Protein backbone atom coordinates (compact mmCIF):
# COMPACT_ATOMS: atom_id res chain seq x y z
CA MET A 1 0.03 0.00 -0.10
CA GLY A 2 1.46 3.07 -1.12
CA ARG A 3 1.18 6.64 0.51
CA ASP A 4 0.63 9.59 -1.04
CA PRO A 5 3.80 12.07 -0.01
CA PRO A 6 2.83 14.90 2.22
CA ARG A 7 1.30 18.19 0.22
CA GLN A 8 3.24 21.12 -0.13
CA LEU A 9 1.82 24.29 0.25
CA PRO A 10 2.57 27.01 -2.24
CA LEU A 11 5.22 29.42 -0.97
CA ASP A 12 2.49 32.41 -1.25
CA TYR A 13 0.01 30.43 1.09
CA PRO A 14 -1.71 32.56 3.87
CA MET A 15 -0.62 31.15 6.93
CA LYS A 16 -2.38 31.78 9.92
CA ASP A 17 -0.41 33.81 12.90
CA THR A 18 -1.35 31.76 16.11
CA THR A 19 1.42 33.24 18.62
CA LEU A 20 -0.95 35.10 21.05
CA PRO A 21 0.52 38.56 22.35
CA TRP A 22 1.95 39.40 25.83
CA TYR A 23 -1.56 40.66 26.90
CA LYS A 24 -3.22 37.47 25.87
CA ASP A 25 -4.93 37.31 29.36
CA GLY A 26 -6.31 41.06 28.83
CA LEU A 27 -5.32 44.41 30.14
CA ARG A 28 -6.61 46.69 32.53
CA PHE A 29 -7.39 50.43 31.90
CA LYS A 30 -10.04 52.79 32.99
CA CYS A 31 -10.39 56.41 31.62
CA THR A 32 -10.19 58.88 34.51
CA GLY A 33 -10.73 61.96 32.51
CA CYS A 34 -7.36 63.19 33.62
CA GLY A 35 -6.35 64.75 30.30
CA LYS A 36 -2.92 64.00 30.44
CA CYS A 37 -3.17 62.10 27.04
CA CYS A 38 -4.22 65.30 25.53
CA THR A 39 -1.14 67.25 26.77
CA GLY A 40 2.41 67.15 27.35
CA SER A 41 4.95 66.56 24.42
CA PRO A 42 4.28 67.74 21.27
CA GLY A 43 2.39 65.18 18.86
CA TYR A 44 -0.25 64.68 16.12
CA VAL A 45 -3.80 63.59 16.12
CA TRP A 46 -4.63 62.94 12.45
CA ILE A 47 -8.05 63.73 11.32
CA ASN A 48 -9.52 62.47 8.21
CA GLU A 49 -12.75 63.60 6.19
CA SER A 50 -15.44 62.11 8.37
CA GLU A 51 -14.11 63.16 11.49
CA ILE A 52 -13.73 66.79 10.14
CA LYS A 53 -17.52 66.82 9.30
CA ALA A 54 -18.54 65.29 12.40
CA LEU A 55 -16.62 67.56 14.76
CA SER A 56 -17.61 70.56 12.24
CA GLU A 57 -21.40 69.67 12.86
CA TYR A 58 -21.02 69.28 16.37
CA LEU A 59 -19.52 72.65 16.76
CA ASN A 60 -22.22 73.98 14.04
CA ILE A 61 -19.46 75.39 11.90
CA ALA A 62 -18.59 74.67 7.99
CA PRO A 63 -15.81 72.05 7.49
CA GLU A 64 -13.99 74.66 5.75
CA GLU A 65 -13.92 76.93 9.05
CA PHE A 66 -13.11 73.98 11.19
CA VAL A 67 -10.27 72.98 9.14
CA ARG A 68 -9.06 76.57 9.21
CA ARG A 69 -9.61 77.29 12.95
CA TYR A 70 -8.49 73.60 14.41
CA THR A 71 -5.99 72.14 12.28
CA HIS A 72 -2.74 72.36 10.36
CA LYS A 73 -1.05 70.21 7.72
CA LEU A 74 1.91 68.02 8.18
CA GLY A 75 3.24 66.24 5.24
CA GLY A 76 -0.07 66.58 3.17
CA ARG A 77 -2.51 65.16 6.31
CA LEU A 78 -4.26 67.35 8.81
CA SER A 79 -3.65 67.21 12.45
CA LEU A 80 -5.33 69.18 15.17
CA LYS A 81 -3.52 72.08 16.65
CA GLU A 82 -1.89 72.40 19.69
CA ASP A 83 -1.41 75.17 22.21
CA PRO A 84 2.01 76.48 21.52
CA ASN A 85 3.16 76.87 25.22
CA ASN A 86 2.02 73.83 26.38
CA PHE A 87 1.06 71.56 23.66
CA ASP A 88 -2.57 71.13 25.05
CA CYS A 89 -4.94 69.75 22.22
CA VAL A 90 -6.80 72.40 20.75
CA PHE A 91 -10.13 71.09 22.37
CA LEU A 92 -8.62 70.48 26.17
CA LYS A 93 -9.85 73.05 28.34
CA SER A 94 -9.30 72.70 32.32
CA ASN A 95 -8.07 69.04 31.59
CA CYS A 96 -11.56 67.87 29.85
CA CYS A 97 -12.23 67.18 25.88
CA THR A 98 -14.72 69.55 24.81
CA VAL A 99 -15.55 67.28 22.00
CA TYR A 100 -15.39 63.96 23.74
CA ASP A 101 -18.32 62.53 22.29
CA ASN A 102 -17.05 63.35 18.93
CA ARG A 103 -13.42 62.73 19.41
CA PRO A 104 -11.27 61.50 16.65
CA GLN A 105 -10.68 57.66 16.07
CA GLN A 106 -6.84 58.36 17.10
CA CYS A 107 -8.10 59.70 20.53
CA ARG A 108 -10.60 56.58 21.06
CA THR A 109 -8.24 53.93 20.69
CA PHE A 110 -5.59 55.14 23.28
CA PRO A 111 -4.02 53.23 25.00
CA TRP A 112 -4.50 50.52 22.47
CA TRP A 113 -2.09 52.00 19.91
CA ASN A 114 0.46 49.62 18.50
CA GLU A 115 3.63 51.08 20.11
CA ASN A 116 1.91 51.16 23.66
CA LEU A 117 1.03 47.27 23.04
CA LYS A 118 4.22 46.06 21.70
CA SER A 119 5.85 45.04 24.94
CA ARG A 120 5.31 44.94 28.37
CA GLN A 121 8.03 47.53 28.94
CA ALA A 122 6.09 49.95 26.20
CA TRP A 123 2.76 49.47 28.58
CA ALA A 124 4.51 50.18 31.56
CA GLU A 125 5.92 53.26 29.85
CA THR A 126 2.35 54.22 28.99
CA ALA A 127 1.12 53.72 32.44
CA ALA A 128 3.67 55.97 33.78
CA ARG A 129 2.22 58.74 31.65
CA CYS A 130 -1.55 57.44 31.77
CA GLU A 131 -2.76 57.04 35.16
CA GLY A 132 -5.73 55.17 33.74
CA VAL A 133 -3.58 52.28 32.56
CA ASP A 134 -3.36 49.50 35.64
CA HIS A 135 -5.80 51.84 37.58
CA PRO A 136 -6.75 50.06 40.86
CA ASP A 137 -10.55 50.30 39.95
CA SER A 138 -9.86 49.76 36.18
CA THR A 139 -11.66 46.44 34.75
CA LEU A 140 -9.79 43.62 32.75
CA ILE A 141 -10.37 44.69 29.19
CA SER A 142 -10.25 41.01 27.14
CA LEU A 143 -7.54 40.17 24.11
CA GLY A 144 -10.67 40.56 21.82
CA GLU A 145 -11.78 44.13 22.98
CA ILE A 146 -8.24 45.43 23.02
CA GLU A 147 -7.74 43.73 19.05
CA LYS A 148 -11.06 45.78 18.16
CA HIS A 149 -9.48 49.00 19.17
CA SER A 150 -5.94 48.33 18.09
CA LYS A 151 -6.92 47.90 14.53
């Protein structure tokens, strides 16, 4: 009785990565509303057309007016402006986001950014800047939920 040789997969066959990340058991986070993620060192909050539309509607101004007043162009992309003295986001007032319910996707997905999740050390560095990371009153956020926000 002859056996068929093992089947060879083509080199370009898509392989599923079954390696689970270091945070496979979840991570603890609870936004405290401290505003620290919206201030500090200079950074960029990239926004797209749909976010401009939503924010301009929320602020009851034309999208062109929103772009002129609240954004600046960097490398062909639009980013929210910052206060030049302290680098606060243009929408941060008294440590509160004045557009919280309409904030850009980049803000909505913090702290689930790839650079914060790349290692335990990166997560610890994020915790040093954000009191909500590993906060005593935080809930455990599942791997599935983290991945939903980090894509």
